[in-house]
Structures are given as C-alpha cells and as structure tokens.
C-alpha cells in the first residue's frame, strides 16, 4: 500500500474539516501516515497495531481515521479517532468496528448509540497487544467562536466527564482566546504561561483551548510542518515523534498538521508541558 500522496488525496485536519493545501505535493510527497508507520516500525517492529491499522482502514476506508501520536517523554501512545457527524444515524459505531477487527476493543465495552456523539476514540499502547478498555465519546459543547465539544470516557461500569474543548480562529479571535485561557483557576493569567502555549506560537489557523480533568491543554490546528517541528522541539518531550516528522520534512510540506500540548504546574510553581501530540489522517 503506497504512502505517497496522490492528486485526489483530501486535505483535512484532525476534525476531518477540509483546508487549502499550503503548496501542491512535491515529487515524492508522502501522506501523513508515513510518520505514524515509521514510528511503529522503529519502536515496535512487528507491532500488532500496524496490522490492526490496516484492518481498520479496510472497514473505515482510506483517510477515514484520524491518528494521534502522543508522548510524555517516557512512553509513546497512539489514539485513533472516528468521526461521524450524522450522530444517531452514524455508519461506524464502536460495536461495528469491534466486530470487524477482533482484539481492538475489550469485550462488553459498548456505547449507547442513542447518544448523539459526533466522534469517538480509543487509545492503544503500541508496545502491548491488548484491546482498549475505555472509549471516549465527543458531544456538542458550547464556547469558542468556531465550535465546542465535550468529551466523556466510557468504561465498564459507567461514564464520566473528561474534557471540554473550545475552538477559535487564531488570528481573528485573539482576545476571546486570552479570555478563555485566563478563566481558569489553575492558571489565572496568560503572563505565567510559556510562550509555546500562546496563540500564534505556530501561526496556526485554529486554536483550541481545552480544560481537562487533571491538567489543561491547547491545540494548534492547521500548522505547517516546520512550525509543528518547532513546537515539538520547544516542548522537549516529543523526541521520537519529532524525529519521524523531521525525517520526512521535505516531502510533507503540502500538509497542515495539528499539534496538542498538555500542561500543568510543577512543584516549583513553573508551568511545564507534560504531554505532546501530533495528529494526521490515515
């Protein structure tokens, strides 16, 4: 299966929203999945996850899955996201994918399809061949000028609130972004946050403010590959992800990527990035 870009390939961000490419594909241009597949091949040769990804693509279709590579500086994780904006009339439920790809989701873990979620996701450890034992579902939320979402975790025995997300146009909505980030009892001011967390740090088109259960996060959506590399370098905990992206930088310039950074207060009072993520489509 080719990893090279083709003229008909879609350009979509981590919400599966279309964007205008920053440039046409160069000779030898690669799809975003090259980064994901390289990391799996290098860190976990023969990983069962690579085979499951191929099986998932057979069910979902090419470019139907959003992948996220996540690093906390010690371990590497993979999250897969499945959008279906038809909500109750969705075509791809967790139950359908679990039946088609054995071993992907723990037996008995289900989501009530009467819930109008527009996306669901699962996290996998590429170093361990075991099914996901929790699922996240995303429902409509409020706040932001572009969109908003609320994430719930579904596990055996119940469902709990996990995160809220607020989407803004980064350049036009700077004042609203600052207000959203200031309205936070953990970090009641922008000045105390490192510059890498500020809107505009990656010349992104969309900026997302996330309030999470035990920490907070920001997402830089639709950034050029060079800016994504700079963010991953500045946060200091995404070595393998940055290396894989840098290796192919010259043939990924026709894409816009998405980068997420979680942050929290350290014991000494400083604010530090604790998790970094890179997103693309598969």
C-alpha atoms as a PDB file:
ATOM      1  CA  UNK A   1       0.000   0.000   0.000  1.00  0.00           C
ATOM      2  CA  UNK A   2       1.573   3.270  -1.122  1.00  0.00           C
ATOM      3  CA  UNK A   3       2.457   6.004   1.337  1.00  0.00           C
ATOM      4  CA  UNK A   4       2.910   8.534  -1.477  1.00  0.00           C
ATOM      5  CA  UNK A   5       0.436  11.365  -1.945  1.00  0.00           C
ATOM      6  CA  UNK A   6      -1.812  11.374  -4.967  1.00  0.00           C
ATOM      7  CA  UNK A   7      -3.599  14.301  -6.632  1.00  0.00           C
ATOM      8  CA  UNK A   8      -7.005  13.183  -5.363  1.00  0.00           C
ATOM      9  CA  UNK A   9      -5.996  12.849  -1.702  1.00  0.00           C
ATOM     10  CA  UNK A  10      -8.118  15.013   0.613  1.00  0.00           C
ATOM     11  CA  UNK A  11      -6.606  17.754   2.774  1.00  0.00           C
ATOM     12  CA  UNK A  12      -8.323  17.520   6.163  1.00  0.00           C
ATOM     13  CA  UNK A  13      -7.381  18.447   9.728  1.00  0.00           C
ATOM     14  CA  UNK A  14      -7.900  16.455  12.922  1.00  0.00           C
ATOM     15  CA  UNK A  15     -11.603  17.309  12.931  1.00  0.00           C
ATOM     16  CA  UNK A  16     -11.874  15.972   9.380  1.00  0.00           C
ATOM     17  CA  UNK A  17     -12.549  19.559   8.270  1.00  0.00           C
ATOM     18  CA  UNK A  18     -11.102  20.443   4.840  1.00  0.00           C
ATOM     19  CA  UNK A  19      -8.382  23.048   4.356  1.00  0.00           C
ATOM     20  CA  UNK A  20      -6.483  24.576   1.436  1.00  0.00           C
ATOM     21  CA  UNK A  21      -3.081  22.988   0.993  1.00  0.00           C
ATOM     22  CA  UNK A  22      -0.136  25.347   1.609  1.00  0.00           C
ATOM     23  CA  UNK A  23       1.501  24.028  -1.592  1.00  0.00           C
ATOM     24  CA  UNK A  24       0.998  21.300  -4.175  1.00  0.00           C
ATOM     25  CA  UNK A  25       2.577  17.908  -3.409  1.00  0.00           C
ATOM     26  CA  UNK A  26       6.256  17.825  -4.367  1.00  0.00           C
ATOM     27  CA  UNK A  27       7.869  14.960  -6.259  1.00  0.00           C
ATOM     28  CA  UNK A  28       7.968  12.014  -3.872  1.00  0.00           C
ATOM     29  CA  UNK A  29       5.487  13.671  -1.495  1.00  0.00           C
ATOM     30  CA  UNK A  30       4.224  11.440   1.302  1.00  0.00           C
ATOM     31  CA  UNK A  31       0.903  11.065   3.059  1.00  0.00           C
ATOM     32  CA  UNK A  32       0.751  11.989   6.746  1.00  0.00           C
ATOM     33  CA  UNK A  33       0.559   8.324   7.694  1.00  0.00           C
ATOM     34  CA  UNK A  34       4.285   7.973   6.888  1.00  0.00           C
ATOM     35  CA  UNK A  35       5.085   9.495  10.290  1.00  0.00           C
ATOM     36  CA  UNK A  36       2.831   7.064  12.159  1.00  0.00           C
ATOM     37  CA  UNK A  37       4.034   3.990  10.282  1.00  0.00           C
ATOM     38  CA  UNK A  38       7.710   4.922  10.655  1.00  0.00           C
ATOM     39  CA  UNK A  39       7.392   5.254  14.421  1.00  0.00           C
ATOM     40  CA  UNK A  40       5.625   1.911  14.707  1.00  0.00           C
ATOM     41  CA  UNK A  41       8.265   0.220  12.552  1.00  0.00           C
ATOM     42  CA  UNK A  42      11.143   1.722  14.526  1.00  0.00           C
ATOM     43  CA  UNK A  43       9.893   1.500  18.096  1.00  0.00           C
ATOM     44  CA  UNK A  44       7.895  -1.729  17.930  1.00  0.00           C
ATOM     45  CA  UNK A  45       8.940  -3.855  14.934  1.00  0.00           C
ATOM     46  CA  UNK A  46       6.185  -6.300  14.085  1.00  0.00           C
ATOM     47  CA  UNK A  47       3.685  -4.475  16.306  1.00  0.00           C
ATOM     48  CA  UNK A  48       0.184  -5.931  16.167  1.00  0.00           C
ATOM     49  CA  UNK A  49      -1.042  -2.355  15.943  1.00  0.00           C
ATOM     50  CA  UNK A  50       0.257  -1.982  12.387  1.00  0.00           C
ATOM     51  CA  UNK A  51      -1.833  -4.967  11.292  1.00  0.00           C
ATOM     52  CA  UNK A  52      -4.868  -3.601  13.117  1.00  0.00           C
ATOM     53  CA  UNK A  53      -4.458  -0.243  11.415  1.00  0.00           C
ATOM     54  CA  UNK A  54      -4.640  -1.973   8.051  1.00  0.00           C
ATOM     55  CA  UNK A  55      -7.740  -3.881   9.155  1.00  0.00           C
ATOM     56  CA  UNK A  56      -9.371  -0.681  10.397  1.00  0.00           C
ATOM     57  CA  UNK A  57      -8.710   1.037   7.082  1.00  0.00           C
ATOM     58  CA  UNK A  58     -10.429  -1.833   5.283  1.00  0.00           C
ATOM     59  CA  UNK A  59     -13.578  -1.128   7.318  1.00  0.00           C
ATOM     60  CA  UNK A  60     -13.452   2.658   7.592  1.00  0.00           C
ATOM     61  CA  UNK A  61     -11.874   3.488   4.248  1.00  0.00           C
ATOM     62  CA  UNK A  62      -8.740   5.427   3.405  1.00  0.00           C
ATOM     63  CA  UNK A  63      -8.472   8.806   5.158  1.00  0.00           C
ATOM     64  CA  UNK A  64     -11.389   7.880   7.416  1.00  0.00           C
ATOM     65  CA  UNK A  65      -9.299   7.630  10.606  1.00  0.00           C
ATOM     66  CA  UNK A  66      -7.534  10.424  12.475  1.00  0.00           C
ATOM     67  CA  UNK A  67      -4.427   9.267  14.325  1.00  0.00           C
ATOM     68  CA  UNK A  68      -2.682  10.941  17.227  1.00  0.00           C
ATOM     69  CA  UNK A  69       0.854  10.135  18.356  1.00  0.00           C
ATOM     70  CA  UNK A  70       1.363  11.124  21.998  1.00  0.00           C
ATOM     71  CA  UNK A  71       4.472  11.379  24.163  1.00  0.00           C
ATOM     72  CA  UNK A  72       5.023  12.330  27.794  1.00  0.00           C
ATOM     73  CA  UNK A  73       8.798  11.990  27.479  1.00  0.00           C
ATOM     74  CA  UNK A  74       8.773   8.425  28.796  1.00  0.00           C
ATOM     75  CA  UNK A  75       6.284   6.449  26.733  1.00  0.00           C
ATOM     76  CA  UNK A  76       4.570   6.659  23.380  1.00  0.00           C
ATOM     77  CA  UNK A  77       0.845   6.181  22.812  1.00  0.00           C
ATOM     78  CA  UNK A  78      -1.487   6.094  19.837  1.00  0.00           C
ATOM     79  CA  UNK A  79      -5.067   7.353  19.789  1.00  0.00           C
ATOM     80  CA  UNK A  80      -7.451   6.703  16.909  1.00  0.00           C
ATOM     81  CA  UNK A  81     -10.451   8.949  16.240  1.00  0.00           C
ATOM     82  CA  UNK A  82     -13.540   8.132  14.186  1.00  0.00           C
ATOM     83  CA  UNK A  83     -15.819  10.968  13.106  1.00  0.00           C
ATOM     84  CA  UNK A  84     -19.397  10.584  12.039  1.00  0.00           C
ATOM     85  CA  UNK A  85     -21.227  13.884  12.037  1.00  0.00           C
ATOM     86  CA  UNK A  86     -24.504  12.109  11.273  1.00  0.00           C
ATOM     87  CA  UNK A  87     -24.604  11.343  15.029  1.00  0.00           C
ATOM     88  CA  UNK A  88     -27.560   8.994  15.693  1.00  0.00           C
ATOM     89  CA  UNK A  89     -27.539   7.958  12.033  1.00  0.00           C
ATOM     90  CA  UNK A  90     -23.853   7.096  12.191  1.00  0.00           C
ATOM     91  CA  UNK A  91     -22.348   4.465   9.940  1.00  0.00           C
ATOM     92  CA  UNK A  92     -19.467   3.432  12.208  1.00  0.00           C
ATOM     93  CA  UNK A  93     -20.135   2.563  15.834  1.00  0.00           C
ATOM     94  CA  UNK A  94     -17.608   1.034  18.249  1.00  0.00           C
ATOM     95  CA  UNK A  95     -19.631  -2.200  18.129  1.00  0.00           C
ATOM     96  CA  UNK A  96     -19.329  -2.440  14.355  1.00  0.00           C
ATOM     97  CA  UNK A  97     -15.578  -1.825  14.368  1.00  0.00           C
ATOM     98  CA  UNK A  98     -15.032  -4.226  17.276  1.00  0.00           C
ATOM     99  CA  UNK A  99     -16.829  -6.967  15.357  1.00  0.00           C
ATOM    100  CA  UNK A 100     -14.748  -6.334  12.244  1.00  0.00           C
ATOM    101  CA  UNK A 101     -11.360  -6.038  13.989  1.00  0.00           C
ATOM    102  CA  UNK A 102     -11.049  -8.669  16.755  1.00  0.00           C
ATOM    103  CA  UNK A 103      -8.895  -7.684  19.699  1.00  0.00           C
ATOM    104  CA  UNK A 104      -9.302  -3.951  19.163  1.00  0.00           C
ATOM    105  CA  UNK A 105     -11.863  -3.208  21.914  1.00  0.00           C
ATOM    106  CA  UNK A 106     -12.382  -5.121  25.156  1.00  0.00           C
ATOM    107  CA  UNK A 107     -15.412  -7.457  25.101  1.00  0.00           C
ATOM    108  CA  UNK A 108     -18.539  -5.943  26.593  1.00  0.00           C
ATOM    109  CA  UNK A 109     -17.360  -2.344  26.222  1.00  0.00           C
ATOM    110  CA  UNK A 110     -20.184  -0.608  24.373  1.00  0.00           C
ATOM    111  CA  UNK A 111     -21.606   2.855  23.753  1.00  0.00           C
ATOM    112  CA  UNK A 112     -25.337   3.573  23.589  1.00  0.00           C
ATOM    113  CA  UNK A 113     -25.953   4.639  20.010  1.00  0.00           C
ATOM    114  CA  UNK A 114     -28.889   6.766  21.138  1.00  0.00           C
ATOM    115  CA  UNK A 115     -26.297   9.252  22.437  1.00  0.00           C
ATOM    116  CA  UNK A 116     -25.732  11.917  19.717  1.00  0.00           C
ATOM    117  CA  UNK A 117     -21.942  11.830  19.747  1.00  0.00           C
ATOM    118  CA  UNK A 118     -20.147  13.035  16.609  1.00  0.00           C
ATOM    119  CA  UNK A 119     -16.841  11.312  17.251  1.00  0.00           C
ATOM    120  CA  UNK A 120     -15.388   8.502  19.327  1.00  0.00           C
ATOM    121  CA  UNK A 121     -11.836   7.433  20.021  1.00  0.00           C
ATOM    122  CA  UNK A 122      -9.719   4.757  21.628  1.00  0.00           C
ATOM    123  CA  UNK A 123      -6.164   4.737  22.956  1.00  0.00           C
ATOM    124  CA  UNK A 124      -3.707   1.922  22.311  1.00  0.00           C
ATOM    125  CA  UNK A 125      -0.254   1.095  23.630  1.00  0.00           C
ATOM    126  CA  UNK A 126       1.860   0.080  20.608  1.00  0.00           C
ATOM    127  CA  UNK A 127       4.174  -1.970  22.837  1.00  0.00           C
ATOM    128  CA  UNK A 128       1.424  -4.181  24.262  1.00  0.00           C
ATOM    129  CA  UNK A 129      -1.024  -6.304  22.317  1.00  0.00           C
ATOM    130  CA  UNK A 130      -4.171  -5.719  24.317  1.00  0.00           C
ATOM    131  CA  UNK A 131      -7.571  -4.232  23.491  1.00  0.00           C
ATOM    132  CA  UNK A 132      -8.694  -0.771  24.521  1.00  0.00           C
ATOM    133  CA  UNK A 133     -10.530  -0.931  27.848  1.00  0.00           C
ATOM    134  CA  UNK A 134     -12.020   2.586  27.645  1.00  0.00           C
ATOM    135  CA  UNK A 135     -13.612   4.634  24.886  1.00  0.00           C
ATOM    136  CA  UNK A 136     -14.025   8.387  24.620  1.00  0.00           C
ATOM    137  CA  UNK A 137     -17.105   9.933  23.031  1.00  0.00           C
ATOM    138  CA  UNK A 138     -17.413  13.569  21.955  1.00  0.00           C
ATOM    139  CA  UNK A 139     -20.672  15.503  22.013  1.00  0.00           C
ATOM    140  CA  UNK A 140     -21.655  19.071  21.117  1.00  0.00           C
ATOM    141  CA  UNK A 141     -20.415  21.679  23.543  1.00  0.00           C
ATOM    142  CA  UNK A 142     -20.537  25.437  23.996  1.00  0.00           C
ATOM    143  CA  UNK A 143     -17.943  28.181  23.922  1.00  0.00           C
ATOM    144  CA  UNK A 144     -15.432  29.199  21.312  1.00  0.00           C
ATOM    145  CA  UNK A 145     -16.247  31.078  18.128  1.00  0.00           C
ATOM    146  CA  UNK A 146     -15.853  28.166  15.713  1.00  0.00           C
ATOM    147  CA  UNK A 147     -17.039  25.129  17.649  1.00  0.00           C
ATOM    148  CA  UNK A 148     -17.067  23.415  21.014  1.00  0.00           C
ATOM    149  CA  UNK A 149     -17.106  19.887  22.331  1.00  0.00           C
ATOM    150  CA  UNK A 150     -17.437  17.838  25.486  1.00  0.00           C
ATOM    151  CA  UNK A 151     -15.616  14.536  25.950  1.00  0.00           C
ATOM    152  CA  UNK A 152     -16.850  11.663  28.129  1.00  0.00           C
ATOM    153  CA  UNK A 153     -14.958   8.485  28.983  1.00  0.00           C
ATOM    154  CA  UNK A 154     -16.935   5.252  28.722  1.00  0.00           C
ATOM    155  CA  UNK A 155     -15.667   2.281  30.713  1.00  0.00           C
ATOM    156  CA  UNK A 156     -17.030  -0.841  32.304  1.00  0.00           C
ATOM    157  CA  UNK A 157     -19.363   0.377  34.999  1.00  0.00           C
ATOM    158  CA  UNK A 158     -20.085   3.919  33.888  1.00  0.00           C
ATOM    159  CA  UNK A 159     -19.394   7.148  32.047  1.00  0.00           C
ATOM    160  CA  UNK A 160     -17.640  10.245  33.347  1.00  0.00           C
ATOM    161  CA  UNK A 161     -16.876  13.745  32.093  1.00  0.00           C
ATOM    162  CA  UNK A 162     -13.312  14.049  30.815  1.00  0.00           C
ATOM    163  CA  UNK A 163     -12.575  17.258  28.859  1.00  0.00           C
ATOM    164  CA  UNK A 164     -14.148  20.337  27.289  1.00  0.00           C
ATOM    165  CA  UNK A 165     -12.900  21.968  24.097  1.00  0.00           C
ATOM    166  CA  UNK A 166     -13.348  25.477  22.675  1.00  0.00           C
ATOM    167  CA  UNK A 167     -12.327  26.239  19.070  1.00  0.00           C
ATOM    168  CA  UNK A 168     -11.326  29.713  17.871  1.00  0.00           C
ATOM    169  CA  UNK A 169      -9.967  31.335  14.735  1.00  0.00           C
ATOM    170  CA  UNK A 170      -6.483  32.059  15.958  1.00  0.00           C
ATOM    171  CA  UNK A 171      -5.857  35.405  14.282  1.00  0.00           C
ATOM    172  CA  UNK A 172      -9.348  36.927  14.454  1.00  0.00           C
ATOM    173  CA  UNK A 173     -10.295  35.773  17.956  1.00  0.00           C
ATOM    174  CA  UNK A 174      -7.143  36.513  19.959  1.00  0.00           C
ATOM    175  CA  UNK A 175      -8.975  38.491  22.662  1.00  0.00           C
ATOM    176  CA  UNK A 176     -11.553  35.718  23.121  1.00  0.00           C
ATOM    177  CA  UNK A 177      -8.773  33.118  23.328  1.00  0.00           C
ATOM    178  CA  UNK A 178      -6.967  35.083  26.019  1.00  0.00           C
ATOM    179  CA  UNK A 179     -10.199  35.411  27.986  1.00  0.00           C
ATOM    180  CA  UNK A 180     -10.849  31.662  27.734  1.00  0.00           C
ATOM    181  CA  UNK A 181      -7.344  30.866  28.920  1.00  0.00           C
ATOM    182  CA  UNK A 182      -7.498  33.389  31.766  1.00  0.00           C
ATOM    183  CA  UNK A 183     -10.831  31.977  33.002  1.00  0.00           C
ATOM    184  CA  UNK A 184      -9.077  29.097  34.704  1.00  0.00           C
ATOM    185  CA  UNK A 185      -8.460  28.699  38.435  1.00  0.00           C
ATOM    186  CA  UNK A 186      -5.298  26.683  37.759  1.00  0.00           C
ATOM    187  CA  UNK A 187      -3.721  29.387  35.597  1.00  0.00           C
ATOM    188  CA  UNK A 188      -5.484  32.721  36.158  1.00  0.00           C
ATOM    189  CA  UNK A 189      -3.204  34.714  33.840  1.00  0.00           C
ATOM    190  CA  UNK A 190      -1.638  34.474  30.409  1.00  0.00           C
ATOM    191  CA  UNK A 191       1.669  36.007  31.501  1.00  0.00           C
ATOM    192  CA  UNK A 192       2.638  32.970  33.568  1.00  0.00           C
ATOM    193  CA  UNK A 193       2.265  30.554  30.648  1.00  0.00           C
ATOM    194  CA  UNK A 194       5.316  29.734  28.489  1.00  0.00           C
ATOM    195  CA  UNK A 195       5.262  31.333  25.051  1.00  0.00           C
ATOM    196  CA  UNK A 196       4.950  27.915  23.418  1.00  0.00           C
ATOM    197  CA  UNK A 197       1.391  27.727  24.801  1.00  0.00           C
ATOM    198  CA  UNK A 198       0.246  31.086  23.486  1.00  0.00           C
ATOM    199  CA  UNK A 199      -1.989  31.528  20.432  1.00  0.00           C
ATOM    200  CA  UNK A 200       0.046  32.335  17.363  1.00  0.00           C
ATOM    201  CA  UNK A 201       3.063  30.304  18.512  1.00  0.00           C
ATOM    202  CA  UNK A 202       2.759  28.150  15.364  1.00  0.00           C
ATOM    203  CA  UNK A 203       0.954  30.572  13.028  1.00  0.00           C
ATOM    204  CA  UNK A 204      -1.963  28.152  13.289  1.00  0.00           C
ATOM    205  CA  UNK A 205      -5.339  28.749  11.655  1.00  0.00           C
ATOM    206  CA  UNK A 206      -7.414  27.304  14.520  1.00  0.00           C
ATOM    207  CA  UNK A 207      -6.547  27.474  18.231  1.00  0.00           C
ATOM    208  CA  UNK A 208      -8.249  25.175  20.726  1.00  0.00           C
ATOM    209  CA  UNK A 209      -8.480  25.735  24.489  1.00  0.00           C
ATOM    210  CA  UNK A 210      -9.062  22.509  26.447  1.00  0.00           C
ATOM    211  CA  UNK A 211      -9.997  22.206  30.111  1.00  0.00           C
ATOM    212  CA  UNK A 212      -9.148  18.717  31.307  1.00  0.00           C
ATOM    213  CA  UNK A 213      -9.752  16.661  34.400  1.00  0.00           C
ATOM    214  CA  UNK A 214      -6.297  16.972  35.984  1.00  0.00           C
ATOM    215  CA  UNK A 215      -4.470  19.326  33.592  1.00  0.00           C
ATOM    216  CA  UNK A 216      -5.146  21.672  30.713  1.00  0.00           C
ATOM    217  CA  UNK A 217      -4.193  21.801  27.071  1.00  0.00           C
ATOM    218  CA  UNK A 218      -4.028  23.809  23.891  1.00  0.00           C
ATOM    219  CA  UNK A 219      -4.141  22.631  20.284  1.00  0.00           C
ATOM    220  CA  UNK A 220      -2.608  24.327  17.276  1.00  0.00           C
ATOM    221  CA  UNK A 221      -4.650  23.246  14.272  1.00  0.00           C
ATOM    222  CA  UNK A 222      -3.527  23.537  10.654  1.00  0.00           C
ATOM    223  CA  UNK A 223       0.160  24.347  11.064  1.00  0.00           C
ATOM    224  CA  UNK A 224       2.930  23.911   8.521  1.00  0.00           C
ATOM    225  CA  UNK A 225       5.370  21.078   9.037  1.00  0.00           C
ATOM    226  CA  UNK A 226       8.200  23.430  10.048  1.00  0.00           C
ATOM    227  CA  UNK A 227       6.051  25.071  12.736  1.00  0.00           C
ATOM    228  CA  UNK A 228       4.959  21.653  14.007  1.00  0.00           C
ATOM    229  CA  UNK A 229       8.624  20.665  14.349  1.00  0.00           C
ATOM    230  CA  UNK A 230       9.361  23.857  16.267  1.00  0.00           C
ATOM    231  CA  UNK A 231       6.514  23.244  18.727  1.00  0.00           C
ATOM    232  CA  UNK A 232       7.575  19.636  19.321  1.00  0.00           C
ATOM    233  CA  UNK A 233      11.174  20.738  19.804  1.00  0.00           C
ATOM    234  CA  UNK A 234      10.310  23.536  22.229  1.00  0.00           C
ATOM    235  CA  UNK A 235       8.176  21.314  24.464  1.00  0.00           C
ATOM    236  CA  UNK A 236      11.167  18.972  24.906  1.00  0.00           C
ATOM    237  CA  UNK A 237       9.300  15.689  25.441  1.00  0.00           C
ATOM    238  CA  UNK A 238       8.418  14.518  21.936  1.00  0.00           C
ATOM    239  CA  UNK A 239      11.783  13.235  20.661  1.00  0.00           C
ATOM    240  CA  UNK A 240      10.654  10.177  18.667  1.00  0.00           C
ATOM    241  CA  UNK A 241       7.667  11.980  17.152  1.00  0.00           C
ATOM    242  CA  UNK A 242       9.745  14.993  16.181  1.00  0.00           C
ATOM    243  CA  UNK A 243      12.454  12.806  14.691  1.00  0.00           C
ATOM    244  CA  UNK A 244       9.999  10.912  12.493  1.00  0.00           C
ATOM    245  CA  UNK A 245       8.404  14.150  11.299  1.00  0.00           C
ATOM    246  CA  UNK A 246      11.779  15.778  10.618  1.00  0.00           C
ATOM    247  CA  UNK A 247      12.983  12.794   8.628  1.00  0.00           C
ATOM    248  CA  UNK A 248      10.318  13.438   6.007  1.00  0.00           C
ATOM    249  CA  UNK A 249      10.015  17.215   6.316  1.00  0.00           C
ATOM    250  CA  UNK A 250      10.926  17.858   2.694  1.00  0.00           C
ATOM    251  CA  UNK A 251       8.109  15.680   1.353  1.00  0.00           C
ATOM    252  CA  UNK A 252       5.388  16.663   3.839  1.00  0.00           C
ATOM    253  CA  UNK A 253       5.226  20.386   3.099  1.00  0.00           C
ATOM    254  CA  UNK A 254       1.897  20.094   1.282  1.00  0.00           C
ATOM    255  CA  UNK A 255       0.140  19.109   4.530  1.00  0.00           C
ATOM    256  CA  UNK A 256      -1.026  21.100   7.510  1.00  0.00           C
ATOM    257  CA  UNK A 257      -0.639  19.232  10.801  1.00  0.00           C
ATOM    258  CA  UNK A 258      -2.230  19.547  14.234  1.00  0.00           C
ATOM    259  CA  UNK A 259      -0.238  19.662  17.475  1.00  0.00           C
ATOM    260  CA  UNK A 260      -1.569  19.357  21.034  1.00  0.00           C
ATOM    261  CA  UNK A 261       0.243  20.301  24.235  1.00  0.00           C
ATOM    262  CA  UNK A 262      -0.961  19.442  27.753  1.00  0.00           C
ATOM    263  CA  UNK A 263       0.468  21.459  30.619  1.00  0.00           C
ATOM    264  CA  UNK A 264       0.374  21.706  34.401  1.00  0.00           C
ATOM    265  CA  UNK A 265       2.068  23.462  37.285  1.00  0.00           C
ATOM    266  CA  UNK A 266       5.308  21.929  38.539  1.00  0.00           C
ATOM    267  CA  UNK A 267       6.172  21.736  42.272  1.00  0.00           C
ATOM    268  CA  UNK A 268       8.410  24.802  41.917  1.00  0.00           C
ATOM    269  CA  UNK A 269       5.491  26.859  40.609  1.00  0.00           C
ATOM    270  CA  UNK A 270       6.560  26.945  36.987  1.00  0.00           C
ATOM    271  CA  UNK A 271       4.306  25.730  34.180  1.00  0.00           C
ATOM    272  CA  UNK A 272       5.576  22.867  32.078  1.00  0.00           C
ATOM    273  CA  UNK A 273       4.358  20.851  29.116  1.00  0.00           C
ATOM    274  CA  UNK A 274       3.627  17.295  30.238  1.00  0.00           C
ATOM    275  CA  UNK A 275       2.341  15.704  27.019  1.00  0.00           C
ATOM    276  CA  UNK A 276       2.751  16.472  23.330  1.00  0.00           C
ATOM    277  CA  UNK A 277       0.761  15.064  20.424  1.00  0.00           C
ATOM    278  CA  UNK A 278       0.914  15.155  16.628  1.00  0.00           C
ATOM    279  CA  UNK A 279      -2.169  14.390  14.519  1.00  0.00           C
ATOM    280  CA  UNK A 280      -2.803  13.316  10.944  1.00  0.00           C
ATOM    281  CA  UNK A 281      -5.221  11.253   8.851  1.00  0.00           C
ATOM    282  CA  UNK A 282      -4.941   7.617   7.754  1.00  0.00           C
END
